[in-house]
PDB file of N, CA and C in Angstrom:
ATOM      1  N   UNK A   1    -177.792-269.380  24.465  1.00  0.00           N
ATOM      2  CA  UNK A   1    -177.108-268.354  23.729  1.00  0.00           C
ATOM      3  C   UNK A   1    -175.821-267.999  24.458  1.00  0.00           C
ATOM      4  N   UNK A   2    -174.739-268.056  23.721  1.00  0.00           N
ATOM      5  CA  UNK A   2    -173.440-267.584  24.190  1.00  0.00           C
ATOM      6  C   UNK A   2    -172.924-266.626  23.122  1.00  0.00           C
ATOM      7  N   UNK A   3    -172.523-265.455  23.543  1.00  0.00           N
ATOM      8  CA  UNK A   3    -171.958-264.501  22.602  1.00  0.00           C
ATOM      9  C   UNK A   3    -170.703-263.889  23.199  1.00  0.00           C
ATOM     10  N   UNK A   4    -169.555-264.151  22.578  1.00  0.00           N
ATOM     11  CA  UNK A   4    -168.300-263.497  22.919  1.00  0.00           C
ATOM     12  C   UNK A   4    -168.150-262.361  21.920  1.00  0.00           C
ATOM     13  N   UNK A   5    -167.927-261.154  22.422  1.00  0.00           N
ATOM     14  CA  UNK A   5    -167.878-259.982  21.547  1.00  0.00           C
ATOM     15  C   UNK A   5    -166.738-259.062  21.926  1.00  0.00           C
ATOM     16  N   UNK A   6    -166.067-258.521  20.897  1.00  0.00           N
ATOM     17  CA  UNK A   6    -165.101-257.469  21.122  1.00  0.00           C
ATOM     18  C   UNK A   6    -165.877-256.168  21.225  1.00  0.00           C
ATOM     19  N   UNK A   7    -165.709-255.498  22.345  1.00  0.00           N
ATOM     20  CA  UNK A   7    -166.477-254.286  22.618  1.00  0.00           C
ATOM     21  C   UNK A   7    -166.069-253.169  21.677  1.00  0.00           C
ATOM     22  N   UNK A   8    -167.074-252.544  21.066  1.00  0.00           N
ATOM     23  CA  UNK A   8    -166.818-251.410  20.181  1.00  0.00           C
ATOM     24  C   UNK A   8    -166.339-250.209  20.967  1.00  0.00           C
ATOM     25  N   UNK A   9    -165.668-249.291  20.267  1.00  0.00           N
ATOM     26  CA  UNK A   9    -165.204-248.078  20.923  1.00  0.00           C
ATOM     27  C   UNK A   9    -165.816-246.855  20.240  1.00  0.00           C
ATOM     28  N   UNK A  10    -165.365-245.695  20.628  1.00  0.00           N
ATOM     29  CA  UNK A  10    -165.931-244.445  20.104  1.00  0.00           C
ATOM     30  C   UNK A  10    -165.706-244.279  18.606  1.00  0.00           C
ATOM     31  N   UNK A  11    -164.796-245.029  18.025  1.00  0.00           N
ATOM     32  CA  UNK A  11    -164.490-244.916  16.605  1.00  0.00           C
ATOM     33  C   UNK A  11    -165.169-246.003  15.789  1.00  0.00           C
ATOM     34  N   UNK A  12    -166.166-246.688  16.385  1.00  0.00           N
ATOM     35  CA  UNK A  12    -166.911-247.765  15.729  1.00  0.00           C
ATOM     36  C   UNK A  12    -166.015-248.909  15.275  1.00  0.00           C
ATOM     37  N   UNK A  13    -164.950-249.135  16.005  1.00  0.00           N
ATOM     38  CA  UNK A  13    -164.063-250.260  15.729  1.00  0.00           C
ATOM     39  C   UNK A  13    -163.997-251.125  16.984  1.00  0.00           C
ATOM     40  N   UNK A  14    -163.864-252.441  16.788  1.00  0.00           N
ATOM     41  CA  UNK A  14    -163.738-253.288  17.969  1.00  0.00           C
ATOM     42  C   UNK A  14    -162.492-252.927  18.761  1.00  0.00           C
ATOM     43  N   UNK A  15    -162.640-252.905  20.057  1.00  0.00           N
ATOM     44  CA  UNK A  15    -161.518-252.562  20.917  1.00  0.00           C
ATOM     45  C   UNK A  15    -160.830-253.795  21.463  1.00  0.00           C
ATOM     46  N   UNK A  16    -160.252-253.647  22.633  1.00  0.00           N
ATOM     47  CA  UNK A  16    -159.495-254.722  23.252  1.00  0.00           C
ATOM     48  C   UNK A  16    -160.215-255.306  24.460  1.00  0.00           C
ATOM     49  N   UNK A  17    -161.487-255.006  24.603  1.00  0.00           N
ATOM     50  CA  UNK A  17    -162.266-255.541  25.714  1.00  0.00           C
ATOM     51  C   UNK A  17    -163.196-256.629  25.195  1.00  0.00           C
ATOM     52  N   UNK A  18    -163.303-257.692  25.977  1.00  0.00           N
ATOM     53  CA  UNK A  18    -164.179-258.794  25.631  1.00  0.00           C
ATOM     54  C   UNK A  18    -165.423-258.732  26.498  1.00  0.00           C
ATOM     55  N   UNK A  19    -166.582-258.811  25.874  1.00  0.00           N
ATOM     56  CA  UNK A  19    -167.846-258.905  26.598  1.00  0.00           C
ATOM     57  C   UNK A  19    -168.442-260.273  26.317  1.00  0.00           C
ATOM     58  N   UNK A  20    -169.009-260.902  27.337  1.00  0.00           N
ATOM     59  CA  UNK A  20    -169.627-262.209  27.207  1.00  0.00           C
ATOM     60  C   UNK A  20    -171.085-262.087  27.614  1.00  0.00           C
ATOM     61  N   UNK A  21    -171.975-262.538  26.727  1.00  0.00           N
ATOM     62  CA  UNK A  21    -173.409-262.521  26.982  1.00  0.00           C
ATOM     63  C   UNK A  21    -173.905-263.965  27.019  1.00  0.00           C
ATOM     64  N   UNK A  22    -174.690-264.303  28.025  1.00  0.00           N
ATOM     65  CA  UNK A  22    -175.201-265.668  28.191  1.00  0.00           C
ATOM     66  C   UNK A  22    -176.667-265.635  28.588  1.00  0.00           C
ATOM     67  N   UNK A  23    -177.422-266.616  28.117  1.00  0.00           N
ATOM     68  CA  UNK A  23    -178.717-266.880  28.725  1.00  0.00           C
ATOM     69  C   UNK A  23    -178.521-268.138  29.578  1.00  0.00           C
ATOM     70  N   UNK A  24    -179.555-268.612  30.234  1.00  0.00           N
ATOM     71  CA  UNK A  24    -179.436-269.764  31.139  1.00  0.00           C
ATOM     72  C   UNK A  24    -178.890-270.999  30.397  1.00  0.00           C
ATOM     73  N   UNK A  25    -179.418-271.281  29.218  1.00  0.00           N
ATOM     74  CA  UNK A  25    -178.969-272.439  28.438  1.00  0.00           C
ATOM     75  C   UNK A  25    -177.497-272.284  28.040  1.00  0.00           C
ATOM     76  N   UNK A  26    -177.101-271.090  27.642  1.00  0.00           N
ATOM     77  CA  UNK A  26    -175.712-270.840  27.285  1.00  0.00           C
ATOM     78  C   UNK A  26    -174.780-271.001  28.475  1.00  0.00           C
ATOM     79  N   UNK A  27    -175.228-270.542  29.638  1.00  0.00           N
ATOM     80  CA  UNK A  27    -174.436-270.702  30.850  1.00  0.00           C
ATOM     81  C   UNK A  27    -174.217-272.176  31.158  1.00  0.00           C
ATOM     82  N   UNK A  28    -175.279-272.964  31.075  1.00  0.00           N
ATOM     83  CA  UNK A  28    -175.162-274.404  31.335  1.00  0.00           C
ATOM     84  C   UNK A  28    -174.237-275.076  30.313  1.00  0.00           C
ATOM     85  N   UNK A  29    -174.305-274.660  29.062  1.00  0.00           N
ATOM     86  CA  UNK A  29    -173.439-275.211  28.022  1.00  0.00           C
ATOM     87  C   UNK A  29    -171.973-274.876  28.300  1.00  0.00           C
ATOM     88  N   UNK A  30    -171.706-273.632  28.675  1.00  0.00           N
ATOM     89  CA  UNK A  30    -170.338-273.220  28.980  1.00  0.00           C
ATOM     90  C   UNK A  30    -169.812-273.980  30.194  1.00  0.00           C
ATOM     91  N   UNK A  31    -170.636-274.139  31.210  1.00  0.00           N
ATOM     92  CA  UNK A  31    -170.237-274.909  32.395  1.00  0.00           C
ATOM     93  C   UNK A  31    -169.904-276.346  32.012  1.00  0.00           C
ATOM     94  N   UNK A  32    -170.701-276.941  31.131  1.00  0.00           N
ATOM     95  CA  UNK A  32    -170.442-278.317  30.687  1.00  0.00           C
ATOM     96  C   UNK A  32    -169.091-278.412  29.978  1.00  0.00           C
ATOM     97  N   UNK A  33    -168.778-277.429  29.145  1.00  0.00           N
ATOM     98  CA  UNK A  33    -167.488-277.422  28.448  1.00  0.00           C
ATOM     99  C   UNK A  33    -166.336-277.292  29.443  1.00  0.00           C
ATOM    100  N   UNK A  34    -166.499-276.426  30.426  1.00  0.00           N
ATOM    101  CA  UNK A  34    -165.454-276.237  31.431  1.00  0.00           C
ATOM    102  C   UNK A  34    -165.302-277.478  32.308  1.00  0.00           C
ATOM    103  N   UNK A  35    -166.396-278.179  32.566  1.00  0.00           N
ATOM    104  CA  UNK A  35    -166.321-279.433  33.327  1.00  0.00           C
ATOM    105  C   UNK A  35    -165.539-280.490  32.556  1.00  0.00           C
ATOM    106  N   UNK A  36    -165.701-280.521  31.233  1.00  0.00           N
ATOM    107  CA  UNK A  36    -164.916-281.450  30.413  1.00  0.00           C
ATOM    108  C   UNK A  36    -163.427-281.178  30.596  1.00  0.00           C
ATOM    109  N   UNK A  37    -163.051-279.908  30.609  1.00  0.00           N
ATOM    110  CA  UNK A  37    -161.652-279.547  30.846  1.00  0.00           C
ATOM    111  C   UNK A  37    -161.210-279.971  32.235  1.00  0.00           C
ATOM    112  N   UNK A  38    -162.046-279.686  33.215  1.00  0.00           N
ATOM    113  CA  UNK A  38    -161.724-279.996  34.598  1.00  0.00           C
ATOM    114  C   UNK A  38    -161.562-281.489  34.840  1.00  0.00           C
ATOM    115  N   UNK A  39    -162.349-282.304  34.147  1.00  0.00           N
ATOM    116  CA  UNK A  39    -162.294-283.755  34.337  1.00  0.00           C
ATOM    117  C   UNK A  39    -161.065-284.391  33.701  1.00  0.00           C
ATOM    118  N   UNK A  40    -160.400-283.662  32.820  1.00  0.00           N
ATOM    119  CA  UNK A  40    -159.228-284.195  32.142  1.00  0.00           C
ATOM    120  C   UNK A  40    -159.546-285.012  30.902  1.00  0.00           C
ATOM    121  N   UNK A  41    -160.819-285.035  30.496  1.00  0.00           N
ATOM    122  CA  UNK A  41    -161.182-285.810  29.305  1.00  0.00           C
ATOM    123  C   UNK A  41    -160.681-285.155  28.019  1.00  0.00           C
ATOM    124  N   UNK A  42    -160.289-283.904  28.111  1.00  0.00           N
ATOM    125  CA  UNK A  42    -159.688-283.187  26.986  1.00  0.00           C
ATOM    126  C   UNK A  42    -158.817-282.072  27.550  1.00  0.00           C
ATOM    127  N   UNK A  43    -157.909-281.550  26.737  1.00  0.00           N
ATOM    128  CA  UNK A  43    -157.087-280.438  27.214  1.00  0.00           C
ATOM    129  C   UNK A  43    -157.518-279.102  26.604  1.00  0.00           C
ATOM    130  N   UNK A  44    -158.535-279.149  25.726  1.00  0.00           N
ATOM    131  CA  UNK A  44    -159.063-277.911  25.159  1.00  0.00           C
ATOM    132  C   UNK A  44    -160.469-278.151  24.601  1.00  0.00           C
ATOM    133  N   UNK A  45    -161.211-277.069  24.490  1.00  0.00           N
ATOM    134  CA  UNK A  45    -162.531-277.113  23.853  1.00  0.00           C
ATOM    135  C   UNK A  45    -162.622-275.956  22.871  1.00  0.00           C
ATOM    136  N   UNK A  46    -163.440-276.142  21.849  1.00  0.00           N
ATOM    137  CA  UNK A  46    -163.684-275.100  20.854  1.00  0.00           C
ATOM    138  C   UNK A  46    -165.154-274.706  20.924  1.00  0.00           C
ATOM    139  N   UNK A  47    -165.409-273.429  20.949  1.00  0.00           N
ATOM    140  CA  UNK A  47    -166.756-272.892  20.812  1.00  0.00           C
ATOM    141  C   UNK A  47    -166.775-272.111  19.505  1.00  0.00           C
ATOM    142  N   UNK A  48    -167.721-272.430  18.627  1.00  0.00           N
ATOM    143  CA  UNK A  48    -167.780-271.752  17.330  1.00  0.00           C
ATOM    144  C   UNK A  48    -169.212-271.339  17.008  1.00  0.00           C
ATOM    145  N   UNK A  49    -169.318-270.318  16.197  1.00  0.00           N
ATOM    146  CA  UNK A  49    -170.624-269.847  15.744  1.00  0.00           C
ATOM    147  C   UNK A  49    -171.166-270.780  14.664  1.00  0.00           C
ATOM    148  N   UNK A  50    -172.440-270.654  14.390  1.00  0.00           N
ATOM    149  CA  UNK A  50    -173.073-271.484  13.356  1.00  0.00           C
ATOM    150  C   UNK A  50    -172.423-271.263  11.988  1.00  0.00           C
ATOM    151  N   UNK A  51    -172.098-270.026  11.674  1.00  0.00           N
ATOM    152  CA  UNK A  51    -171.502-269.724  10.366  1.00  0.00           C
ATOM    153  C   UNK A  51    -170.101-270.308  10.224  1.00  0.00           C
ATOM    154  N   UNK A  52    -169.502-270.702  11.320  1.00  0.00           N
ATOM    155  CA  UNK A  52    -168.185-271.337  11.298  1.00  0.00           C
ATOM    156  C   UNK A  52    -168.293-272.837  11.545  1.00  0.00           C
ATOM    157  N   UNK A  53    -169.488-273.371  11.458  1.00  0.00           N
ATOM    158  CA  UNK A  53    -169.687-274.808  11.592  1.00  0.00           C
ATOM    159  C   UNK A  53    -169.931-275.296  13.001  1.00  0.00           C
ATOM    160  N   UNK A  54    -170.136-274.393  13.931  1.00  0.00           N
ATOM    161  CA  UNK A  54    -170.372-274.772  15.319  1.00  0.00           C
ATOM    162  C   UNK A  54    -171.824-274.593  15.707  1.00  0.00           C
ATOM    163  N   UNK A  55    -172.065-274.651  16.994  1.00  0.00           N
ATOM    164  CA  UNK A  55    -173.433-274.490  17.488  1.00  0.00           C
ATOM    165  C   UNK A  55    -173.484-273.723  18.799  1.00  0.00           C
ATOM    166  N   UNK A  56    -172.331-273.314  19.316  1.00  0.00           N
ATOM    167  CA  UNK A  56    -172.312-272.694  20.632  1.00  0.00           C
ATOM    168  C   UNK A  56    -172.459-271.174  20.613  1.00  0.00           C
ATOM    169  N   UNK A  57    -171.790-270.513  19.678  1.00  0.00           N
ATOM    170  CA  UNK A  57    -171.731-269.053  19.701  1.00  0.00           C
ATOM    171  C   UNK A  57    -172.707-268.423  18.715  1.00  0.00           C
ATOM    172  N   UNK A  58    -173.146-267.237  19.062  1.00  0.00           N
ATOM    173  CA  UNK A  58    -174.035-266.465  18.197  1.00  0.00           C
ATOM    174  C   UNK A  58    -173.225-265.802  17.081  1.00  0.00           C
ATOM    175  N   UNK A  59    -173.838-265.659  15.930  1.00  0.00           N
ATOM    176  CA  UNK A  59    -173.201-264.981  14.795  1.00  0.00           C
ATOM    177  C   UNK A  59    -173.332-263.463  14.875  1.00  0.00           C
ATOM    178  N   UNK A  60    -174.420-262.999  15.464  1.00  0.00           N
ATOM    179  CA  UNK A  60    -174.719-261.566  15.498  1.00  0.00           C
ATOM    180  C   UNK A  60    -174.477-261.048  16.909  1.00  0.00           C
ATOM    181  N   UNK A  61    -173.685-259.972  17.044  1.00  0.00           N
ATOM    182  CA  UNK A  61    -173.425-259.437  18.377  1.00  0.00           C
ATOM    183  C   UNK A  61    -174.688-258.886  19.032  1.00  0.00           C
ATOM    184  N   UNK A  62    -174.749-258.957  20.342  1.00  0.00           N
ATOM    185  CA  UNK A  62    -175.884-258.435  21.110  1.00  0.00           C
ATOM    186  C   UNK A  62    -175.846-256.909  21.166  1.00  0.00           C
ATOM    187  N   UNK A  63    -174.651-256.336  21.206  1.00  0.00           N
ATOM    188  CA  UNK A  63    -174.492-254.880  21.251  1.00  0.00           C
ATOM    189  C   UNK A  63    -174.085-254.397  19.852  1.00  0.00           C
ATOM    190  N   UNK A  64    -174.767-253.395  19.358  1.00  0.00           N
ATOM    191  CA  UNK A  64    -174.600-252.940  17.977  1.00  0.00           C
ATOM    192  C   UNK A  64    -173.168-252.520  17.634  1.00  0.00           C
ATOM    193  N   UNK A  65    -172.440-251.927  18.568  1.00  0.00           N
ATOM    194  CA  UNK A  65    -171.085-251.445  18.291  1.00  0.00           C
ATOM    195  C   UNK A  65    -170.035-252.550  18.405  1.00  0.00           C
ATOM    196  N   UNK A  66    -170.449-253.729  18.867  1.00  0.00           N
ATOM    197  CA  UNK A  66    -169.507-254.821  19.084  1.00  0.00           C
ATOM    198  C   UNK A  66    -169.285-255.658  17.836  1.00  0.00           C
ATOM    199  N   UNK A  67    -168.219-256.453  17.861  1.00  0.00           N
ATOM    200  CA  UNK A  67    -167.918-257.407  16.785  1.00  0.00           C
ATOM    201  C   UNK A  67    -167.978-258.810  17.375  1.00  0.00           C
ATOM    202  N   UNK A  68    -168.745-259.682  16.745  1.00  0.00           N
ATOM    203  CA  UNK A  68    -168.876-261.060  17.217  1.00  0.00           C
ATOM    204  C   UNK A  68    -167.563-261.808  17.033  1.00  0.00           C
ATOM    205  N   UNK A  69    -167.228-262.637  18.023  1.00  0.00           N
ATOM    206  CA  UNK A  69    -166.089-263.553  17.925  1.00  0.00           C
ATOM    207  C   UNK A  69    -166.674-264.892  17.495  1.00  0.00           C
ATOM    208  N   UNK A  70    -166.143-265.462  16.425  1.00  0.00           N
ATOM    209  CA  UNK A  70    -166.726-266.677  15.852  1.00  0.00           C
ATOM    210  C   UNK A  70    -166.044-267.963  16.305  1.00  0.00           C
ATOM    211  N   UNK A  71    -164.896-267.853  16.944  1.00  0.00           N
ATOM    212  CA  UNK A  71    -164.197-269.049  17.420  1.00  0.00           C
ATOM    213  C   UNK A  71    -163.485-268.721  18.727  1.00  0.00           C
ATOM    214  N   UNK A  72    -163.762-269.509  19.753  1.00  0.00           N
ATOM    215  CA  UNK A  72    -163.104-269.384  21.038  1.00  0.00           C
ATOM    216  C   UNK A  72    -162.529-270.747  21.385  1.00  0.00           C
ATOM    217  N   UNK A  73    -161.240-270.795  21.625  1.00  0.00           N
ATOM    218  CA  UNK A  73    -160.586-272.023  22.071  1.00  0.00           C
ATOM    219  C   UNK A  73    -160.174-271.807  23.521  1.00  0.00           C
ATOM    220  N   UNK A  74    -160.602-272.711  24.393  1.00  0.00           N
ATOM    221  CA  UNK A  74    -160.251-272.643  25.807  1.00  0.00           C
ATOM    222  C   UNK A  74    -159.350-273.835  26.088  1.00  0.00           C
ATOM    223  N   UNK A  75    -158.127-273.557  26.545  1.00  0.00           N
ATOM    224  CA  UNK A  75    -157.140-274.610  26.749  1.00  0.00           C
ATOM    225  C   UNK A  75    -156.775-274.729  28.231  1.00  0.00           C
ATOM    226  N   UNK A  76    -156.549-275.957  28.640  1.00  0.00           N
ATOM    227  CA  UNK A  76    -156.067-276.252  29.989  1.00  0.00           C
ATOM    228  C   UNK A  76    -154.556-276.388  29.912  1.00  0.00           C
ATOM    229  N   UNK A  77    -153.840-275.641  30.729  1.00  0.00           N
ATOM    230  CA  UNK A  77    -152.378-275.710  30.683  1.00  0.00           C
ATOM    231  C   UNK A  77    -151.810-276.139  32.013  1.00  0.00           C
TER     232      UNK A  77
END
């Protein structure tokens, strides 16, 4: 499980803080993606939720006030 979430604020709207939730399997998956970047086999990776056609990110936020992020692109520059 990997969940990138915009942290909710006192007004029940997503704020400007990002929270990341991982279980052991999600951590290993994220490390594998970062290793792909590090090895130079690609210059970017995409993490997407199931509802967006991916398999890495959760669709439902772990924290009730948060908003799930459905697409994360990590680029090597």
